[in-house]
Amino acid sequence: MSNQTMSDIAAPLRLLRLLAADHPDLPAMNVDVSTIFPNQLELVSHDDFGAFEAWRQAAGISSETVTYAEQSQGRTRVLRAAVDYGDARLSLVAYSTVPGREGGEVL
């Protein structure tokens, strides 16, 4: 059992509340707050790079800081970006299938 309390993850929860209030019309994304990274709020998008881009712009994250990678033997594209936002770190992640590589073969 963890010795951490809800106050240990309060910073990313406050950030989530602020973002939800300030940007209610932006696309919903998966939300991850973890005791492993207690000061980080991670917003994750699956198969929607547009949602990632909307949040990147709203958070004021420079496009030059976005990283691109591929995983699952080149079948999945991954975008990542992060910024310190108050006393928490906002991390954006987006996953998308590489067209024509869904089953592992190039069509």
PDB file of N, CA and C in Angstrom:
ATOM      1  N   MET A   1       0.833  -1.181   0.000  1.00  0.00           N
ATOM      2  CA  MET A   1       0.000   0.000   0.000  1.00  0.00           C
ATOM      3  C   MET A   1       0.882   1.250   0.000  1.00  0.00           C
ATOM      4  N   SER A   2       0.468   2.226  -0.736  1.00  0.00           N
ATOM      5  CA  SER A   2       1.229   3.461  -0.883  1.00  0.00           C
ATOM      6  C   SER A   2       1.036   4.350   0.337  1.00  0.00           C
ATOM      7  N   ASN A   3       2.092   5.081   0.676  1.00  0.00           N
ATOM      8  CA  ASN A   3       2.000   6.063   1.746  1.00  0.00           C
ATOM      9  C   ASN A   3       1.560   7.419   1.223  1.00  0.00           C
ATOM     10  N   GLN A   4       1.344   7.504  -0.078  1.00  0.00           N
ATOM     11  CA  GLN A   4       0.930   8.769  -0.672  1.00  0.00           C
ATOM     12  C   GLN A   4      -0.548   9.014  -0.405  1.00  0.00           C
ATOM     13  N   THR A   5      -0.888  10.286  -0.413  1.00  0.00           N
ATOM     14  CA  THR A   5      -2.282  10.684  -0.230  1.00  0.00           C
ATOM     15  C   THR A   5      -2.733  11.481  -1.452  1.00  0.00           C
ATOM     16  N   MET A   6      -3.992  11.821  -1.478  1.00  0.00           N
ATOM     17  CA  MET A   6      -4.515  12.622  -2.582  1.00  0.00           C
ATOM     18  C   MET A   6      -3.814  13.972  -2.676  1.00  0.00           C
ATOM     19  N   SER A   7      -3.339  14.485  -1.562  1.00  0.00           N
ATOM     20  CA  SER A   7      -2.629  15.774  -1.624  1.00  0.00           C
ATOM     21  C   SER A   7      -1.334  15.653  -2.418  1.00  0.00           C
ATOM     22  N   ASP A   8      -0.772  14.443  -2.517  1.00  0.00           N
ATOM     23  CA  ASP A   8       0.449  14.243  -3.288  1.00  0.00           C
ATOM     24  C   ASP A   8       0.218  14.366  -4.792  1.00  0.00           C
ATOM     25  N   ILE A   9      -1.007  14.175  -5.234  1.00  0.00           N
ATOM     26  CA  ILE A   9      -1.320  14.308  -6.662  1.00  0.00           C
ATOM     27  C   ILE A   9      -2.240  15.503  -6.923  1.00  0.00           C
ATOM     28  N   ALA A  10      -2.295  16.410  -5.980  1.00  0.00           N
ATOM     29  CA  ALA A  10      -3.185  17.566  -6.098  1.00  0.00           C
ATOM     30  C   ALA A  10      -2.813  18.483  -7.262  1.00  0.00           C
ATOM     31  N   ALA A  11      -1.529  18.660  -7.540  1.00  0.00           N
ATOM     32  CA  ALA A  11      -1.115  19.593  -8.599  1.00  0.00           C
ATOM     33  C   ALA A  11      -1.674  19.189  -9.968  1.00  0.00           C
ATOM     34  N   PRO A  12      -1.520  17.936 -10.417  1.00  0.00           N
ATOM     35  CA  PRO A  12      -2.097  17.605 -11.721  1.00  0.00           C
ATOM     36  C   PRO A  12      -3.627  17.607 -11.714  1.00  0.00           C
ATOM     37  N   LEU A  13      -4.230  17.319 -10.580  1.00  0.00           N
ATOM     38  CA  LEU A  13      -5.692  17.370 -10.506  1.00  0.00           C
ATOM     39  C   LEU A  13      -6.185  18.809 -10.623  1.00  0.00           C
ATOM     40  N   ARG A  14      -5.465  19.750 -10.000  1.00  0.00           N
ATOM     41  CA  ARG A  14      -5.817  21.170 -10.158  1.00  0.00           C
ATOM     42  C   ARG A  14      -5.659  21.597 -11.615  1.00  0.00           C
ATOM     43  N   LEU A  15      -4.583  21.123 -12.253  1.00  0.00           N
ATOM     44  CA  LEU A  15      -4.355  21.453 -13.654  1.00  0.00           C
ATOM     45  C   LEU A  15      -5.479  20.906 -14.524  1.00  0.00           C
ATOM     46  N   LEU A  16      -5.913  19.690 -14.265  1.00  0.00           N
ATOM     47  CA  LEU A  16      -7.026  19.113 -15.031  1.00  0.00           C
ATOM     48  C   LEU A  16      -8.281  19.963 -14.872  1.00  0.00           C
ATOM     49  N   ARG A  17      -8.555  20.374 -13.661  1.00  0.00           N
ATOM     50  CA  ARG A  17      -9.729  21.216 -13.412  1.00  0.00           C
ATOM     51  C   ARG A  17      -9.622  22.541 -14.171  1.00  0.00           C
ATOM     52  N   LEU A  18      -8.443  23.145 -14.137  1.00  0.00           N
ATOM     53  CA  LEU A  18      -8.215  24.406 -14.842  1.00  0.00           C
ATOM     54  C   LEU A  18      -8.390  24.241 -16.348  1.00  0.00           C
ATOM     55  N   LEU A  19      -7.794  23.195 -16.910  1.00  0.00           N
ATOM     56  CA  LEU A  19      -7.901  22.962 -18.351  1.00  0.00           C
ATOM     57  C   LEU A  19      -9.337  22.685 -18.775  1.00  0.00           C
ATOM     58  N   ALA A  20     -10.057  21.916 -17.976  1.00  0.00           N
ATOM     59  CA  ALA A  20     -11.457  21.615 -18.297  1.00  0.00           C
ATOM     60  C   ALA A  20     -12.309  22.884 -18.263  1.00  0.00           C
ATOM     61  N   ALA A  21     -12.014  23.771 -17.336  1.00  0.00           N
ATOM     62  CA  ALA A  21     -12.771  25.024 -17.240  1.00  0.00           C
ATOM     63  C   ALA A  21     -12.393  25.998 -18.355  1.00  0.00           C
ATOM     64  N   ASP A  22     -11.106  26.080 -18.665  1.00  0.00           N
ATOM     65  CA  ASP A  22     -10.639  27.039 -19.668  1.00  0.00           C
ATOM     66  C   ASP A  22     -10.854  26.584 -21.107  1.00  0.00           C
ATOM     67  N   HIS A  23     -10.954  25.264 -21.331  1.00  0.00           N
ATOM     68  CA  HIS A  23     -11.044  24.735 -22.695  1.00  0.00           C
ATOM     69  C   HIS A  23     -12.142  23.673 -22.809  1.00  0.00           C
ATOM     70  N   PRO A  24     -13.373  24.018 -22.462  1.00  0.00           N
ATOM     71  CA  PRO A  24     -14.442  22.997 -22.466  1.00  0.00           C
ATOM     72  C   PRO A  24     -14.777  22.453 -23.848  1.00  0.00           C
ATOM     73  N   ASP A  25     -14.410  23.163 -24.903  1.00  0.00           N
ATOM     74  CA  ASP A  25     -14.754  22.735 -26.252  1.00  0.00           C
ATOM     75  C   ASP A  25     -13.667  21.909 -26.930  1.00  0.00           C
ATOM     76  N   LEU A  26     -12.525  21.734 -26.280  1.00  0.00           N
ATOM     77  CA  LEU A  26     -11.472  20.914 -26.875  1.00  0.00           C
ATOM     78  C   LEU A  26     -11.842  19.436 -26.775  1.00  0.00           C
ATOM     79  N   PRO A  27     -11.283  18.614 -27.658  1.00  0.00           N
ATOM     80  CA  PRO A  27     -11.621  17.185 -27.658  1.00  0.00           C
ATOM     81  C   PRO A  27     -11.271  16.517 -26.327  1.00  0.00           C
ATOM     82  N   ALA A  28     -12.140  15.614 -25.910  1.00  0.00           N
ATOM     83  CA  ALA A  28     -11.861  14.820 -24.713  1.00  0.00           C
ATOM     84  C   ALA A  28     -10.723  13.853 -25.018  1.00  0.00           C
ATOM     85  N   MET A  29      -9.871  13.664 -24.027  1.00  0.00           N
ATOM     86  CA  MET A  29      -8.752  12.731 -24.166  1.00  0.00           C
ATOM     87  C   MET A  29      -8.709  11.856 -22.920  1.00  0.00           C
ATOM     88  N   ASN A  30      -8.032  10.730 -23.013  1.00  0.00           N
ATOM     89  CA  ASN A  30      -7.823   9.915 -21.821  1.00  0.00           C
ATOM     90  C   ASN A  30      -6.983  10.718 -20.843  1.00  0.00           C
ATOM     91  N   VAL A  31      -7.287  10.578 -19.569  1.00  0.00           N
ATOM     92  CA  VAL A  31      -6.596  11.320 -18.520  1.00  0.00           C
ATOM     93  C   VAL A  31      -5.849  10.332 -17.637  1.00  0.00           C
ATOM     94  N   ASP A  32      -4.572  10.633 -17.380  1.00  0.00           N
ATOM     95  CA  ASP A  32      -3.783   9.780 -16.501  1.00  0.00           C
ATOM     96  C   ASP A  32      -3.075  10.642 -15.462  1.00  0.00           C
ATOM     97  N   VAL A  33      -3.359  10.331 -14.207  1.00  0.00           N
ATOM     98  CA  VAL A  33      -2.654  10.919 -13.073  1.00  0.00           C
ATOM     99  C   VAL A  33      -2.155   9.731 -12.273  1.00  0.00           C
ATOM    100  N   SER A  34      -0.858   9.710 -12.000  1.00  0.00           N
ATOM    101  CA  SER A  34      -0.240   8.536 -11.396  1.00  0.00           C
ATOM    102  C   SER A  34       0.583   8.898 -10.170  1.00  0.00           C
ATOM    103  N   THR A  35       0.582   8.012  -9.201  1.00  0.00           N
ATOM    104  CA  THR A  35       1.453   8.226  -8.037  1.00  0.00           C
ATOM    105  C   THR A  35       2.920   7.995  -8.399  1.00  0.00           C
ATOM    106  N   ILE A  36       3.173   7.375  -9.536  1.00  0.00           N
ATOM    107  CA  ILE A  36       4.557   7.178  -9.986  1.00  0.00           C
ATOM    108  C   ILE A  36       5.166   8.508 -10.419  1.00  0.00           C
ATOM    109  N   PHE A  37       4.367   9.328 -11.114  1.00  0.00           N
ATOM    110  CA  PHE A  37       4.775  10.677 -11.524  1.00  0.00           C
ATOM    111  C   PHE A  37       3.756  11.650 -10.933  1.00  0.00           C
ATOM    112  N   PRO A  38       3.839  11.933  -9.641  1.00  0.00           N
ATOM    113  CA  PRO A  38       2.771  12.648  -8.942  1.00  0.00           C
ATOM    114  C   PRO A  38       2.549  14.093  -9.365  1.00  0.00           C
ATOM    115  N   ASN A  39       3.458  14.690 -10.106  1.00  0.00           N
ATOM    116  CA  ASN A  39       3.268  16.075 -10.554  1.00  0.00           C
ATOM    117  C   ASN A  39       2.926  16.167 -12.029  1.00  0.00           C
ATOM    118  N   GLN A  40       2.549  15.038 -12.642  1.00  0.00           N
ATOM    119  CA  GLN A  40       2.282  15.032 -14.079  1.00  0.00           C
ATOM    120  C   GLN A  40       0.826  14.706 -14.381  1.00  0.00           C
ATOM    121  N   LEU A  41       0.271  15.480 -15.294  1.00  0.00           N
ATOM    122  CA  LEU A  41      -1.037  15.196 -15.876  1.00  0.00           C
ATOM    123  C   LEU A  41      -0.773  14.772 -17.313  1.00  0.00           C
ATOM    124  N   GLU A  42      -1.204  13.577 -17.670  1.00  0.00           N
ATOM    125  CA  GLU A  42      -0.998  13.091 -19.027  1.00  0.00           C
ATOM    126  C   GLU A  42      -2.345  12.988 -19.731  1.00  0.00           C
ATOM    127  N   LEU A  43      -2.436  13.620 -20.892  1.00  0.00           N
ATOM    128  CA  LEU A  43      -3.618  13.530 -21.748  1.00  0.00           C
ATOM    129  C   LEU A  43      -3.228  12.698 -22.958  1.00  0.00           C
ATOM    130  N   VAL A  44      -4.007  11.648 -23.232  1.00  0.00           N
ATOM    131  CA  VAL A  44      -3.662  10.686 -24.272  1.00  0.00           C
ATOM    132  C   VAL A  44      -4.792  10.579 -25.285  1.00  0.00           C
ATOM    133  N   SER A  45      -4.424  10.589 -26.551  1.00  0.00           N
ATOM    134  CA  SER A  45      -5.368  10.440 -27.650  1.00  0.00           C
ATOM    135  C   SER A  45      -5.015   9.190 -28.455  1.00  0.00           C
ATOM    136  N   HIS A  46      -6.034   8.447 -28.841  1.00  0.00           N
ATOM    137  CA  HIS A  46      -5.846   7.265 -29.681  1.00  0.00           C
ATOM    138  C   HIS A  46      -6.514   7.512 -31.025  1.00  0.00           C
ATOM    139  N   ASP A  47      -5.741   7.396 -32.093  1.00  0.00           N
ATOM    140  CA  ASP A  47      -6.224   7.555 -33.465  1.00  0.00           C
ATOM    141  C   ASP A  47      -6.805   8.931 -33.747  1.00  0.00           C
ATOM    142  N   ASP A  48      -6.249   9.967 -33.109  1.00  0.00           N
ATOM    143  CA  ASP A  48      -6.731  11.321 -33.372  1.00  0.00           C
ATOM    144  C   ASP A  48      -5.604  12.327 -33.137  1.00  0.00           C
ATOM    145  N   PHE A  49      -4.743  12.474 -34.133  1.00  0.00           N
ATOM    146  CA  PHE A  49      -3.670  13.461 -34.027  1.00  0.00           C
ATOM    147  C   PHE A  49      -4.246  14.879 -33.981  1.00  0.00           C
ATOM    148  N   GLY A  50      -5.451  15.076 -34.505  1.00  0.00           N
ATOM    149  CA  GLY A  50      -6.089  16.393 -34.460  1.00  0.00           C
ATOM    150  C   GLY A  50      -6.362  16.829 -33.033  1.00  0.00           C
ATOM    151  N   ALA A  51      -6.782  15.900 -32.168  1.00  0.00           N
ATOM    152  CA  ALA A  51      -7.016  16.228 -30.758  1.00  0.00           C
ATOM    153  C   ALA A  51      -5.706  16.636 -30.097  1.00  0.00           C
ATOM    154  N   PHE A  52      -4.649  15.892 -30.388  1.00  0.00           N
ATOM    155  CA  PHE A  52      -3.321  16.219 -29.859  1.00  0.00           C
ATOM    156  C   PHE A  52      -2.942  17.637 -30.263  1.00  0.00           C
ATOM    157  N   GLU A  53      -3.117  17.956 -31.539  1.00  0.00           N
ATOM    158  CA  GLU A  53      -2.728  19.268 -32.062  1.00  0.00           C
ATOM    159  C   GLU A  53      -3.548  20.379 -31.414  1.00  0.00           C
ATOM    160  N   ALA A  54      -4.842  20.159 -31.225  1.00  0.00           N
ATOM    161  CA  ALA A  54      -5.684  21.177 -30.585  1.00  0.00           C
ATOM    162  C   ALA A  54      -5.207  21.456 -29.165  1.00  0.00           C
ATOM    163  N   TRP A  55      -4.898  20.413 -28.421  1.00  0.00           N
ATOM    164  CA  TRP A  55      -4.405  20.581 -27.051  1.00  0.00           C
ATOM    165  C   TRP A  55      -3.003  21.189 -27.036  1.00  0.00           C
ATOM    166  N   ARG A  56      -2.156  20.813 -27.983  1.00  0.00           N
ATOM    167  CA  ARG A  56      -0.809  21.382 -28.052  1.00  0.00           C
ATOM    168  C   ARG A  56      -0.881  22.886 -28.220  1.00  0.00           C
ATOM    169  N   GLN A  57      -1.730  23.326 -29.141  1.00  0.00           N
ATOM    170  CA  GLN A  57      -1.873  24.753 -29.382  1.00  0.00           C
ATOM    171  C   GLN A  57      -2.456  25.461 -28.166  1.00  0.00           C
ATOM    172  N   ALA A  58      -3.484  24.885 -27.565  1.00  0.00           N
ATOM    173  CA  ALA A  58      -4.129  25.512 -26.410  1.00  0.00           C
ATOM    174  C   ALA A  58      -3.172  25.637 -25.229  1.00  0.00           C
ATOM    175  N   ALA A  59      -2.281  24.667 -25.070  1.00  0.00           N
ATOM    176  CA  ALA A  59      -1.326  24.684 -23.965  1.00  0.00           C
ATOM    177  C   ALA A  59      -0.105  25.539 -24.268  1.00  0.00           C
ATOM    178  N   GLY A  60      -0.009  26.034 -25.492  1.00  0.00           N
ATOM    179  CA  GLY A  60       1.121  26.872 -25.864  1.00  0.00           C
ATOM    180  C   GLY A  60       2.426  26.107 -26.010  1.00  0.00           C
ATOM    181  N   ILE A  61       2.323  24.842 -26.387  1.00  0.00           N
ATOM    182  CA  ILE A  61       3.516  24.021 -26.578  1.00  0.00           C
ATOM    183  C   ILE A  61       4.024  24.229 -28.000  1.00  0.00           C
ATOM    184  N   SER A  62       5.275  24.572 -28.127  1.00  0.00           N
ATOM    185  CA  SER A  62       5.878  24.811 -29.437  1.00  0.00           C
ATOM    186  C   SER A  62       5.879  23.530 -30.266  1.00  0.00           C
ATOM    187  N   SER A  63       5.549  23.644 -31.539  1.00  0.00           N
ATOM    188  CA  SER A  63       5.550  22.478 -32.431  1.00  0.00           C
ATOM    189  C   SER A  63       6.946  21.882 -32.568  1.00  0.00           C
ATOM    190  N   GLU A  64       7.976  22.698 -32.373  1.00  0.00           N
ATOM    191  CA  GLU A  64       9.352  22.206 -32.486  1.00  0.00           C
ATOM    192  C   GLU A  64       9.717  21.233 -31.364  1.00  0.00           C
ATOM    193  N   THR A  65       8.954  21.237 -30.269  1.00  0.00           N
ATOM    194  CA  THR A  65       9.271  20.348 -29.152  1.00  0.00           C
ATOM    195  C   THR A  65       8.539  19.010 -29.237  1.00  0.00           C
ATOM    196  N   VAL A  66       7.659  18.858 -30.208  1.00  0.00           N
ATOM    197  CA  VAL A  66       6.923  17.598 -30.372  1.00  0.00           C
ATOM    198  C   VAL A  66       7.884  16.530 -30.892  1.00  0.00           C
ATOM    199  N   THR A  67       7.850  15.360 -30.265  1.00  0.00           N
ATOM    200  CA  THR A  67       8.669  14.247 -30.745  1.00  0.00           C
ATOM    201  C   THR A  67       7.779  13.243 -31.458  1.00  0.00           C
ATOM    202  N   TYR A  68       8.373  12.576 -32.429  1.00  0.00           N
ATOM    203  CA  TYR A  68       7.675  11.562 -33.217  1.00  0.00           C
ATOM    204  C   TYR A  68       8.461  10.264 -33.100  1.00  0.00           C
ATOM    205  N   ALA A  69       7.732   9.171 -32.925  1.00  0.00           N
ATOM    206  CA  ALA A  69       8.359   7.851 -32.895  1.00  0.00           C
ATOM    207  C   ALA A  69       7.385   6.841 -33.470  1.00  0.00           C
ATOM    208  N   GLU A  70       7.896   5.672 -33.762  1.00  0.00           N
ATOM    209  CA  GLU A  70       7.048   4.562 -34.183  1.00  0.00           C
ATOM    210  C   GLU A  70       7.319   3.400 -33.255  1.00  0.00           C
ATOM    211  N   GLN A  71       6.272   2.607 -33.026  1.00  0.00           N
ATOM    212  CA  GLN A  71       6.403   1.425 -32.183  1.00  0.00           C
ATOM    213  C   GLN A  71       5.601   0.294 -32.801  1.00  0.00           C
ATOM    214  N   SER A  72       5.617  -0.862 -32.163  1.00  0.00           N
ATOM    215  CA  SER A  72       4.908  -2.045 -32.669  1.00  0.00           C
ATOM    216  C   SER A  72       5.357  -2.381 -34.086  1.00  0.00           C
ATOM    217  N   GLN A  73       6.657  -2.442 -34.270  1.00  0.00           N
ATOM    218  CA  GLN A  73       7.274  -2.768 -35.553  1.00  0.00           C
ATOM    219  C   GLN A  73       6.809  -1.835 -36.668  1.00  0.00           C
ATOM    220  N   GLY A  74       6.687  -0.560 -36.320  1.00  0.00           N
ATOM    221  CA  GLY A  74       6.341   0.451 -37.306  1.00  0.00           C
ATOM    222  C   GLY A  74       4.861   0.572 -37.615  1.00  0.00           C
ATOM    223  N   ARG A  75       4.019  -0.101 -36.864  1.00  0.00           N
ATOM    224  CA  ARG A  75       2.574  -0.033 -37.123  1.00  0.00           C
ATOM    225  C   ARG A  75       1.886   1.116 -36.408  1.00  0.00           C
ATOM    226  N   THR A  76       2.520   1.688 -35.388  1.00  0.00           N
ATOM    227  CA  THR A  76       1.892   2.743 -34.600  1.00  0.00           C
ATOM    228  C   THR A  76       2.793   3.967 -34.549  1.00  0.00           C
ATOM    229  N   ARG A  77       2.207   5.125 -34.869  1.00  0.00           N
ATOM    230  CA  ARG A  77       2.915   6.399 -34.757  1.00  0.00           C
ATOM    231  C   ARG A  77       2.619   6.991 -33.378  1.00  0.00           C
ATOM    232  N   VAL A  78       3.603   7.674 -32.809  1.00  0.00           N
ATOM    233  CA  VAL A  78       3.443   8.265 -31.481  1.00  0.00           C
ATOM    234  C   VAL A  78       3.970   9.699 -31.495  1.00  0.00           C
ATOM    235  N   LEU A  79       3.128  10.624 -31.059  1.00  0.00           N
ATOM    236  CA  LEU A  79       3.535  12.012 -30.866  1.00  0.00           C
ATOM    237  C   LEU A  79       3.566  12.280 -29.367  1.00  0.00           C
ATOM    238  N   ARG A  80       4.569  13.037 -28.916  1.00  0.00           N
ATOM    239  CA  ARG A  80       4.677  13.411 -27.501  1.00  0.00           C
ATOM    240  C   ARG A  80       5.117  14.869 -27.399  1.00  0.00           C
ATOM    241  N   ALA A  81       4.564  15.533 -26.391  1.00  0.00           N
ATOM    242  CA  ALA A  81       4.979  16.899 -26.084  1.00  0.00           C
ATOM    243  C   ALA A  81       4.665  17.148 -24.619  1.00  0.00           C
ATOM    244  N   ALA A  82       5.412  18.029 -24.004  1.00  0.00           N
ATOM    245  CA  ALA A  82       5.181  18.336 -22.591  1.00  0.00           C
ATOM    246  C   ALA A  82       5.562  19.778 -22.310  1.00  0.00           C
ATOM    247  N   VAL A  83       4.947  20.302 -21.254  1.00  0.00           N
ATOM    248  CA  VAL A  83       5.240  21.659 -20.822  1.00  0.00           C
ATOM    249  C   VAL A  83       4.942  21.750 -19.333  1.00  0.00           C
ATOM    250  N   ASP A  84       5.736  22.566 -18.639  1.00  0.00           N
ATOM    251  CA  ASP A  84       5.422  22.849 -17.241  1.00  0.00           C
ATOM    252  C   ASP A  84       4.297  23.865 -17.234  1.00  0.00           C
ATOM    253  N   TYR A  85       3.284  23.556 -16.463  1.00  0.00           N
ATOM    254  CA  TYR A  85       2.070  24.369 -16.429  1.00  0.00           C
ATOM    255  C   TYR A  85       1.762  24.617 -14.962  1.00  0.00           C
ATOM    256  N   GLY A  86       2.179  25.757 -14.440  1.00  0.00           N
ATOM    257  CA  GLY A  86       2.035  26.001 -13.007  1.00  0.00           C
ATOM    258  C   GLY A  86       2.964  25.073 -12.242  1.00  0.00           C
ATOM    259  N   ASP A  87       2.434  24.381 -11.245  1.00  0.00           N
ATOM    260  CA  ASP A  87       3.252  23.469 -10.454  1.00  0.00           C
ATOM    261  C   ASP A  87       3.103  22.017 -10.896  1.00  0.00           C
ATOM    262  N   ALA A  88       2.593  21.818 -12.109  1.00  0.00           N
ATOM    263  CA  ALA A  88       2.445  20.460 -12.653  1.00  0.00           C
ATOM    264  C   ALA A  88       3.045  20.409 -14.053  1.00  0.00           C
ATOM    265  N   ARG A  89       3.285  19.218 -14.515  1.00  0.00           N
ATOM    266  CA  ARG A  89       3.781  18.995 -15.883  1.00  0.00           C
ATOM    267  C   ARG A  89       2.629  18.439 -16.702  1.00  0.00           C
ATOM    268  N   LEU A  90       2.327  19.077 -17.823  1.00  0.00           N
ATOM    269  CA  LEU A  90       1.310  18.599 -18.746  1.00  0.00           C
ATOM    270  C   LEU A  90       2.012  17.824 -19.845  1.00  0.00           C
ATOM    271  N   SER A  91       1.649  16.576 -20.002  1.00  0.00           N
ATOM    272  CA  SER A  91       2.223  15.721 -21.032  1.00  0.00           C
ATOM    273  C   SER A  91       1.110  15.306 -21.985  1.00  0.00           C
ATOM    274  N   LEU A  92       1.334  15.520 -23.267  1.00  0.00           N
ATOM    275  CA  LEU A  92       0.381  15.122 -24.303  1.00  0.00           C
ATOM    276  C   LEU A  92       0.974  13.952 -25.074  1.00  0.00           C
ATOM    277  N   VAL A  93       0.152  12.945 -25.331  1.00  0.00           N
ATOM    278  CA  VAL A  93       0.582  11.774 -26.090  1.00  0.00           C
ATOM    279  C   VAL A  93      -0.530  11.422 -27.070  1.00  0.00           C
ATOM    280  N   ALA A  94      -0.161  11.078 -28.300  1.00  0.00           N
ATOM    281  CA  ALA A  94      -1.140  10.633 -29.297  1.00  0.00           C
ATOM    282  C   ALA A  94      -0.589   9.409 -30.009  1.00  0.00           C
ATOM    283  N   TYR A  95      -1.453   8.430 -30.183  1.00  0.00           N
ATOM    284  CA  TYR A  95      -1.118   7.205 -30.906  1.00  0.00           C
ATOM    285  C   TYR A  95      -2.006   7.113 -32.133  1.00  0.00           C
ATOM    286  N   SER A  96      -1.445   6.642 -33.238  1.00  0.00           N
ATOM    287  CA  SER A  96      -2.228   6.457 -34.449  1.00  0.00           C
ATOM    288  C   SER A  96      -1.628   5.312 -35.261  1.00  0.00           C
ATOM    289  N   THR A  97      -2.496   4.560 -35.874  1.00  0.00           N
ATOM    290  CA  THR A  97      -2.059   3.469 -36.737  1.00  0.00           C
ATOM    291  C   THR A  97      -1.467   4.025 -38.027  1.00  0.00           C
ATOM    292  N   VAL A  98      -0.362   3.455 -38.464  1.00  0.00           N
ATOM    293  CA  VAL A  98       0.235   3.848 -39.736  1.00  0.00           C
ATOM    294  C   VAL A  98      -0.636   3.261 -40.854  1.00  0.00           C
ATOM    295  N   PRO A  99      -1.164   4.098 -41.747  1.00  0.00           N
ATOM    296  CA  PRO A  99      -2.007   3.587 -42.815  1.00  0.00           C
ATOM    297  C   PRO A  99      -1.304   2.493 -43.618  1.00  0.00           C
ATOM    298  N   GLY A 100      -2.022   1.403 -43.850  1.00  0.00           N
ATOM    299  CA  GLY A 100      -1.477   0.305 -44.639  1.00  0.00           C
ATOM    300  C   GLY A 100      -0.634  -0.662 -43.837  1.00  0.00           C
ATOM    301  N   ARG A 101      -0.441  -0.394 -42.520  1.00  0.00           N
ATOM    302  CA  ARG A 101       0.417  -1.264 -41.707  1.00  0.00           C
ATOM    303  C   ARG A 101      -0.354  -1.861 -40.533  1.00  0.00           C
ATOM    304  N   GLU A 102      -1.688  -1.779 -40.555  1.00  0.00           N
ATOM    305  CA  GLU A 102      -2.505  -2.224 -39.427  1.00  0.00           C
ATOM    306  C   GLU A 102      -2.216  -3.661 -39.037  1.00  0.00           C
ATOM    307  N   GLY A 103      -2.086  -4.552 -39.995  1.00  0.00           N
ATOM    308  CA  GLY A 103      -1.865  -5.951 -39.701  1.00  0.00           C
ATOM    309  C   GLY A 103      -0.415  -6.359 -39.727  1.00  0.00           C
ATOM    310  N   GLY A 104       0.474  -5.400 -39.844  1.00  0.00           N
ATOM    311  CA  GLY A 104       1.886  -5.705 -39.852  1.00  0.00           C
ATOM    312  C   GLY A 104       2.462  -5.831 -41.246  1.00  0.00           C
ATOM    313  N   GLU A 105       1.617  -5.831 -42.299  1.00  0.00           N
ATOM    314  CA  GLU A 105       2.109  -5.915 -43.666  1.00  0.00           C
ATOM    315  C   GLU A 105       1.846  -4.603 -44.370  1.00  0.00           C
ATOM    316  N   VAL A 106       2.698  -4.250 -45.263  1.00  0.00           N
ATOM    317  CA  VAL A 106       2.470  -3.084 -46.084  1.00  0.00           C
ATOM    318  C   VAL A 106       1.527  -3.484 -47.184  1.00  0.00           C
ATOM    319  N   LEU A 107       0.414  -2.757 -47.305  1.00  0.00           N
ATOM    320  CA  LEU A 107      -0.585  -3.091 -48.325  1.00  0.00           C
ATOM    321  C   LEU A 107      -0.308  -2.395 -49.630  1.00  0.00           C
TER     322      LEU A 107
END
